[in-house]
Amino acid sequence: MRFVVDGAQRMEQLIRALLSYAELGHGERASHSEVDLNAVVERVIDDLRERIAEAGGKITKHNLPSVTGDSVQLADVFQNLIVNAIKYRRPEEPLDVRVSAVQESPDQIRISVRDNGLGINQAYHDLIFLPFKRLHGREIPGTGIGLAICKRIVEAHAGQISVESSPGSGTVFHVSLPCGTRADRAAG
């Protein structure tokens, strides 16, 4: 019975993730307005507070800019990245995630989410953004679609997402987005 219940729960998670992914693919532009990424990331951290505490870790957020976008979708990006940092942490070390931003150019900002987790072999850097590409079996829960959703959201915001990582040295996800109206003042 437990096997059936676990399978049904995994199927429900997968269906929800697929629906989310499919909704992003219709080219429908969400309502874009000025979004304070400080508030977005603080809300995500607050929502994940219990999981962060269970991981025995901390999330450090530096001053983030405002961008033009959809706050709910951008929150999904940061939630996926932070949840991945929690899931793929090294058990022998406390979780340490840092969210920061730098101005790449006058019209582009790069937000980085850096963790001290397991890391990702460079051979898989492009594959992890494809739907259903998981690098681990069932020992680490997930649908294998979270980073694909992140990529779709970031691209829908006229941005790019990339990764820097190697096994044992943690991971840094970079999200480059066009600047919002206050980004020049807030980045740094």
C-alpha atoms as a PDB file:
ATOM      1  CA  MET A   1       0.000   0.000   0.000  1.00  0.00           C
ATOM      2  CA  ARG A   2       2.863   2.362   0.857  1.00  0.00           C
ATOM      3  CA  PHE A   3       4.388   1.753  -2.586  1.00  0.00           C
ATOM      4  CA  VAL A   4       1.089   2.683  -4.284  1.00  0.00           C
ATOM      5  CA  VAL A   5       0.689   5.849  -2.177  1.00  0.00           C
ATOM      6  CA  ASP A   6       4.291   6.926  -2.866  1.00  0.00           C
ATOM      7  CA  GLY A   7       3.784   6.329  -6.595  1.00  0.00           C
ATOM      8  CA  ALA A   8       0.549   8.323  -6.596  1.00  0.00           C
ATOM      9  CA  GLN A   9       2.224  11.222  -4.796  1.00  0.00           C
ATOM     10  CA  ARG A  10       5.113  11.238  -7.264  1.00  0.00           C
ATOM     11  CA  MET A  11       2.636  11.153 -10.154  1.00  0.00           C
ATOM     12  CA  GLU A  12       0.713  14.108  -8.685  1.00  0.00           C
ATOM     13  CA  GLN A  13       3.954  16.116  -8.335  1.00  0.00           C
ATOM     14  CA  LEU A  14       4.913  15.269 -11.894  1.00  0.00           C
ATOM     15  CA  ILE A  15       1.504  16.260 -13.300  1.00  0.00           C
ATOM     16  CA  ARG A  16       1.597  19.587 -11.442  1.00  0.00           C
ATOM     17  CA  ALA A  17       5.129  20.260 -12.693  1.00  0.00           C
ATOM     18  CA  LEU A  18       4.170  19.356 -16.261  1.00  0.00           C
ATOM     19  CA  LEU A  19       1.152  21.663 -16.152  1.00  0.00           C
ATOM     20  CA  SER A  20       3.348  24.462 -14.875  1.00  0.00           C
ATOM     21  CA  TYR A  21       5.904  23.828 -17.604  1.00  0.00           C
ATOM     22  CA  ALA A  22       3.231  23.634 -20.323  1.00  0.00           C
ATOM     23  CA  GLU A  23       1.588  26.884 -19.201  1.00  0.00           C
ATOM     24  CA  LEU A  24       4.914  28.674 -19.626  1.00  0.00           C
ATOM     25  CA  GLY A  25       5.267  27.379 -23.183  1.00  0.00           C
ATOM     26  CA  HIS A  26       2.224  29.040 -24.710  1.00  0.00           C
ATOM     27  CA  GLY A  27       3.945  32.346 -25.229  1.00  0.00           C
ATOM     28  CA  GLU A  28       1.410  34.070 -23.014  1.00  0.00           C
ATOM     29  CA  ARG A  29       3.089  37.026 -21.449  1.00  0.00           C
ATOM     30  CA  ALA A  30       2.356  37.369 -17.777  1.00  0.00           C
ATOM     31  CA  SER A  31       1.623  40.753 -16.333  1.00  0.00           C
ATOM     32  CA  HIS A  32       5.000  42.440 -15.996  1.00  0.00           C
ATOM     33  CA  SER A  33       5.623  45.253 -13.565  1.00  0.00           C
ATOM     34  CA  GLU A  34       8.482  46.467 -11.412  1.00  0.00           C
ATOM     35  CA  VAL A  35       9.524  43.646  -9.074  1.00  0.00           C
ATOM     36  CA  ASP A  36      11.692  44.176  -5.994  1.00  0.00           C
ATOM     37  CA  LEU A  37      13.843  41.035  -5.936  1.00  0.00           C
ATOM     38  CA  ASN A  38      14.734  41.704  -2.277  1.00  0.00           C
ATOM     39  CA  ALA A  39      11.080  41.199  -1.347  1.00  0.00           C
ATOM     40  CA  VAL A  40      10.727  38.188  -3.668  1.00  0.00           C
ATOM     41  CA  VAL A  41      13.756  36.349  -2.231  1.00  0.00           C
ATOM     42  CA  GLU A  42      12.832  37.250   1.371  1.00  0.00           C
ATOM     43  CA  ARG A  43       9.362  35.753   0.794  1.00  0.00           C
ATOM     44  CA  VAL A  44      10.916  32.579  -0.665  1.00  0.00           C
ATOM     45  CA  ILE A  45      13.297  32.287   2.300  1.00  0.00           C
ATOM     46  CA  ASP A  46      10.390  32.771   4.692  1.00  0.00           C
ATOM     47  CA  ASP A  47       8.337  30.102   2.883  1.00  0.00           C
ATOM     48  CA  LEU A  48      11.280  27.684   3.091  1.00  0.00           C
ATOM     49  CA  ARG A  49      12.323  28.601   6.642  1.00  0.00           C
ATOM     50  CA  GLU A  50      11.424  25.169   8.044  1.00  0.00           C
ATOM     51  CA  ARG A  51      13.338  23.270   5.339  1.00  0.00           C
ATOM     52  CA  ILE A  52      16.337  25.578   5.758  1.00  0.00           C
ATOM     53  CA  ALA A  53      16.325  24.950   9.524  1.00  0.00           C
ATOM     54  CA  GLU A  54      16.069  21.184   8.978  1.00  0.00           C
ATOM     55  CA  ALA A  55      19.121  21.419   6.697  1.00  0.00           C
ATOM     56  CA  GLY A  56      20.991  23.198   9.499  1.00  0.00           C
ATOM     57  CA  GLY A  57      21.890  26.034   7.216  1.00  0.00           C
ATOM     58  CA  LYS A  58      21.544  29.643   6.311  1.00  0.00           C
ATOM     59  CA  ILE A  59      20.633  31.750   3.308  1.00  0.00           C
ATOM     60  CA  THR A  60      22.455  35.065   2.929  1.00  0.00           C
ATOM     61  CA  LYS A  61      20.794  37.621   0.678  1.00  0.00           C
ATOM     62  CA  HIS A  62      22.769  40.652  -0.438  1.00  0.00           C
ATOM     63  CA  ASN A  63      21.087  43.773  -1.786  1.00  0.00           C
ATOM     64  CA  LEU A  64      19.187  42.817  -4.944  1.00  0.00           C
ATOM     65  CA  PRO A  65      17.841  45.035  -7.723  1.00  0.00           C
ATOM     66  CA  SER A  66      14.373  45.635  -9.031  1.00  0.00           C
ATOM     67  CA  VAL A  67      13.582  44.204 -12.448  1.00  0.00           C
ATOM     68  CA  THR A  68      10.605  44.278 -14.760  1.00  0.00           C
ATOM     69  CA  GLY A  69       8.775  40.979 -14.615  1.00  0.00           C
ATOM     70  CA  ASP A  70       6.214  38.745 -12.982  1.00  0.00           C
ATOM     71  CA  SER A  71       6.854  38.440  -9.239  1.00  0.00           C
ATOM     72  CA  VAL A  72       5.179  35.020  -8.920  1.00  0.00           C
ATOM     73  CA  GLN A  73       7.226  33.510 -11.739  1.00  0.00           C
ATOM     74  CA  LEU A  74      10.470  35.046 -10.481  1.00  0.00           C
ATOM     75  CA  ALA A  75       9.702  33.675  -7.003  1.00  0.00           C
ATOM     76  CA  ASP A  76       9.341  30.227  -8.611  1.00  0.00           C
ATOM     77  CA  VAL A  77      12.851  30.576 -10.064  1.00  0.00           C
ATOM     78  CA  PHE A  78      14.447  31.436  -6.714  1.00  0.00           C
ATOM     79  CA  GLN A  79      12.403  28.828  -4.868  1.00  0.00           C
ATOM     80  CA  ASN A  80      13.536  26.112  -7.293  1.00  0.00           C
ATOM     81  CA  LEU A  81      17.187  27.168  -7.001  1.00  0.00           C
ATOM     82  CA  ILE A  82      17.132  27.321  -3.193  1.00  0.00           C
ATOM     83  CA  VAL A  83      15.214  24.031  -2.880  1.00  0.00           C
ATOM     84  CA  ASN A  84      17.825  22.403  -5.145  1.00  0.00           C
ATOM     85  CA  ALA A  85      20.581  23.777  -2.895  1.00  0.00           C
ATOM     86  CA  ILE A  86      18.825  22.175   0.088  1.00  0.00           C
ATOM     87  CA  LYS A  87      18.262  18.839  -1.683  1.00  0.00           C
ATOM     88  CA  TYR A  88      21.779  18.566  -3.105  1.00  0.00           C
ATOM     89  CA  ARG A  89      23.714  19.734  -0.064  1.00  0.00           C
ATOM     90  CA  ARG A  90      26.653  17.868   1.374  1.00  0.00           C
ATOM     91  CA  PRO A  91      25.442  16.154   4.546  1.00  0.00           C
ATOM     92  CA  GLU A  92      28.738  16.719   6.360  1.00  0.00           C
ATOM     93  CA  GLU A  93      28.505  20.525   6.057  1.00  0.00           C
ATOM     94  CA  PRO A  94      25.845  23.036   7.063  1.00  0.00           C
ATOM     95  CA  LEU A  95      23.936  24.472   4.121  1.00  0.00           C
ATOM     96  CA  ASP A  96      25.306  27.844   3.003  1.00  0.00           C
ATOM     97  CA  VAL A  97      23.487  29.666   0.175  1.00  0.00           C
ATOM     98  CA  ARG A  98      24.314  33.202  -0.942  1.00  0.00           C
ATOM     99  CA  VAL A  99      22.124  35.275  -3.246  1.00  0.00           C
ATOM    100  CA  SER A 100      23.791  38.358  -4.749  1.00  0.00           C
ATOM    101  CA  ALA A 101      23.662  40.593  -7.809  1.00  0.00           C
ATOM    102  CA  VAL A 102      26.084  42.501 -10.025  1.00  0.00           C
ATOM    103  CA  GLN A 103      25.535  44.913 -12.865  1.00  0.00           C
ATOM    104  CA  GLU A 104      26.756  43.153 -16.038  1.00  0.00           C
ATOM    105  CA  SER A 105      26.102  46.117 -18.317  1.00  0.00           C
ATOM    106  CA  PRO A 106      24.004  49.296 -18.214  1.00  0.00           C
ATOM    107  CA  ASP A 107      20.911  47.309 -19.202  1.00  0.00           C
ATOM    108  CA  GLN A 108      21.660  43.852 -17.713  1.00  0.00           C
ATOM    109  CA  ILE A 109      21.835  42.556 -14.147  1.00  0.00           C
ATOM    110  CA  ARG A 110      23.166  39.134 -13.058  1.00  0.00           C
ATOM    111  CA  ILE A 111      21.753  37.506  -9.941  1.00  0.00           C
ATOM    112  CA  SER A 112      23.796  34.598  -8.570  1.00  0.00           C
ATOM    113  CA  VAL A 113      22.620  31.829  -6.257  1.00  0.00           C
ATOM    114  CA  ARG A 114      25.728  30.144  -4.822  1.00  0.00           C
ATOM    115  CA  ASP A 115      25.677  27.033  -2.638  1.00  0.00           C
ATOM    116  CA  ASN A 116      28.233  24.764  -0.986  1.00  0.00           C
ATOM    117  CA  GLY A 117      26.564  21.538  -2.094  1.00  0.00           C
ATOM    118  CA  LEU A 118      27.547  18.422  -3.999  1.00  0.00           C
ATOM    119  CA  GLY A 119      28.292  20.224  -7.258  1.00  0.00           C
ATOM    120  CA  ILE A 120      27.572  19.150 -10.824  1.00  0.00           C
ATOM    121  CA  ASN A 121      29.949  17.579 -13.312  1.00  0.00           C
ATOM    122  CA  GLN A 122      30.522  19.936 -16.261  1.00  0.00           C
ATOM    123  CA  ALA A 123      29.340  17.234 -18.682  1.00  0.00           C
ATOM    124  CA  TYR A 124      25.808  17.721 -17.303  1.00  0.00           C
ATOM    125  CA  HIS A 125      25.641  21.535 -17.234  1.00  0.00           C
ATOM    126  CA  ASP A 126      23.469  21.812 -20.356  1.00  0.00           C
ATOM    127  CA  LEU A 127      21.424  18.687 -19.642  1.00  0.00           C
ATOM    128  CA  ILE A 128      20.137  19.824 -16.244  1.00  0.00           C
ATOM    129  CA  PHE A 129      17.953  22.478 -17.912  1.00  0.00           C
ATOM    130  CA  LEU A 130      16.100  19.860 -19.984  1.00  0.00           C
ATOM    131  CA  PRO A 131      12.830  18.384 -18.673  1.00  0.00           C
ATOM    132  CA  PHE A 132      13.151  15.091 -16.791  1.00  0.00           C
ATOM    133  CA  LYS A 133      16.953  15.103 -16.732  1.00  0.00           C
ATOM    134  CA  ARG A 134      17.830  14.023 -13.223  1.00  0.00           C
ATOM    135  CA  LEU A 135      21.341  13.230 -12.102  1.00  0.00           C
ATOM    136  CA  HIS A 136      20.215  11.213  -9.081  1.00  0.00           C
ATOM    137  CA  GLY A 137      17.753   8.406  -8.511  1.00  0.00           C
ATOM    138  CA  ARG A 138      14.877   8.319  -6.064  1.00  0.00           C
ATOM    139  CA  GLU A 139      17.196   8.892  -3.103  1.00  0.00           C
ATOM    140  CA  ILE A 140      16.770  12.627  -3.802  1.00  0.00           C
ATOM    141  CA  PRO A 141      13.111  13.513  -4.393  1.00  0.00           C
ATOM    142  CA  GLY A 142      11.999  15.602  -7.353  1.00  0.00           C
ATOM    143  CA  THR A 143      10.350  15.572 -10.749  1.00  0.00           C
ATOM    144  CA  GLY A 144      13.340  16.571 -12.866  1.00  0.00           C
ATOM    145  CA  ILE A 145      11.518  19.558 -14.290  1.00  0.00           C
ATOM    146  CA  GLY A 146      12.356  22.386 -11.848  1.00  0.00           C
ATOM    147  CA  LEU A 147      15.380  23.751 -13.710  1.00  0.00           C
ATOM    148  CA  ALA A 148      13.534  23.461 -17.042  1.00  0.00           C
ATOM    149  CA  ILE A 149      10.784  25.641 -15.544  1.00  0.00           C
ATOM    150  CA  CYS A 150      13.422  28.107 -14.312  1.00  0.00           C
ATOM    151  CA  LYS A 151      14.890  28.317 -17.803  1.00  0.00           C
ATOM    152  CA  ARG A 152      11.487  28.940 -19.399  1.00  0.00           C
ATOM    153  CA  ILE A 153      10.632  31.658 -16.891  1.00  0.00           C
ATOM    154  CA  VAL A 154      13.986  33.402 -17.248  1.00  0.00           C
ATOM    155  CA  GLU A 155      13.791  33.279 -21.045  1.00  0.00           C
ATOM    156  CA  ALA A 156      10.214  34.628 -20.925  1.00  0.00           C
ATOM    157  CA  HIS A 157      11.731  37.579 -19.037  1.00  0.00           C
ATOM    158  CA  ALA A 158      14.248  38.116 -21.885  1.00  0.00           C
ATOM    159  CA  GLY A 159      17.037  36.700 -19.735  1.00  0.00           C
ATOM    160  CA  GLN A 160      19.407  33.748 -19.522  1.00  0.00           C
ATOM    161  CA  ILE A 161      20.244  31.175 -16.862  1.00  0.00           C
ATOM    162  CA  SER A 162      23.568  29.372 -16.600  1.00  0.00           C
ATOM    163  CA  VAL A 163      25.500  27.247 -14.135  1.00  0.00           C
ATOM    164  CA  GLU A 164      29.077  27.051 -12.828  1.00  0.00           C
ATOM    165  CA  SER A 165      29.944  23.952 -10.876  1.00  0.00           C
ATOM    166  CA  SER A 166      32.167  20.955 -10.398  1.00  0.00           C
ATOM    167  CA  PRO A 167      31.741  17.935  -8.136  1.00  0.00           C
ATOM    168  CA  GLY A 168      32.435  18.692  -4.482  1.00  0.00           C
ATOM    169  CA  SER A 169      32.758  22.448  -4.915  1.00  0.00           C
ATOM    170  CA  GLY A 170      29.174  23.659  -4.827  1.00  0.00           C
ATOM    171  CA  THR A 171      27.121  25.261  -7.553  1.00  0.00           C
ATOM    172  CA  VAL A 172      26.437  28.800  -8.753  1.00  0.00           C
ATOM    173  CA  PHE A 173      23.366  29.521 -10.865  1.00  0.00           C
ATOM    174  CA  HIS A 174      23.509  32.840 -12.706  1.00  0.00           C
ATOM    175  CA  VAL A 175      20.275  34.509 -13.792  1.00  0.00           C
ATOM    176  CA  SER A 176      20.821  37.463 -16.146  1.00  0.00           C
ATOM    177  CA  LEU A 177      17.844  39.777 -16.594  1.00  0.00           C
ATOM    178  CA  PRO A 178      17.198  43.167 -18.144  1.00  0.00           C
ATOM    179  CA  CYS A 179      17.365  45.935 -15.530  1.00  0.00           C
ATOM    180  CA  GLY A 180      14.246  47.324 -13.936  1.00  0.00           C
ATOM    181  CA  THR A 181      13.754  51.007 -13.353  1.00  0.00           C
ATOM    182  CA  ARG A 182      15.563  50.980  -9.972  1.00  0.00           C
ATOM    183  CA  ALA A 183      18.175  48.329 -10.787  1.00  0.00           C
ATOM    184  CA  ASP A 184      20.996  50.815 -11.242  1.00  0.00           C
ATOM    185  CA  ARG A 185      20.587  52.059  -7.670  1.00  0.00           C
ATOM    186  CA  ALA A 186      19.975  48.692  -5.994  1.00  0.00           C
ATOM    187  CA  ALA A 187      22.548  46.362  -7.533  1.00  0.00           C
ATOM    188  CA  GLY A 188      25.744  45.648  -5.748  1.00  0.00           C
END
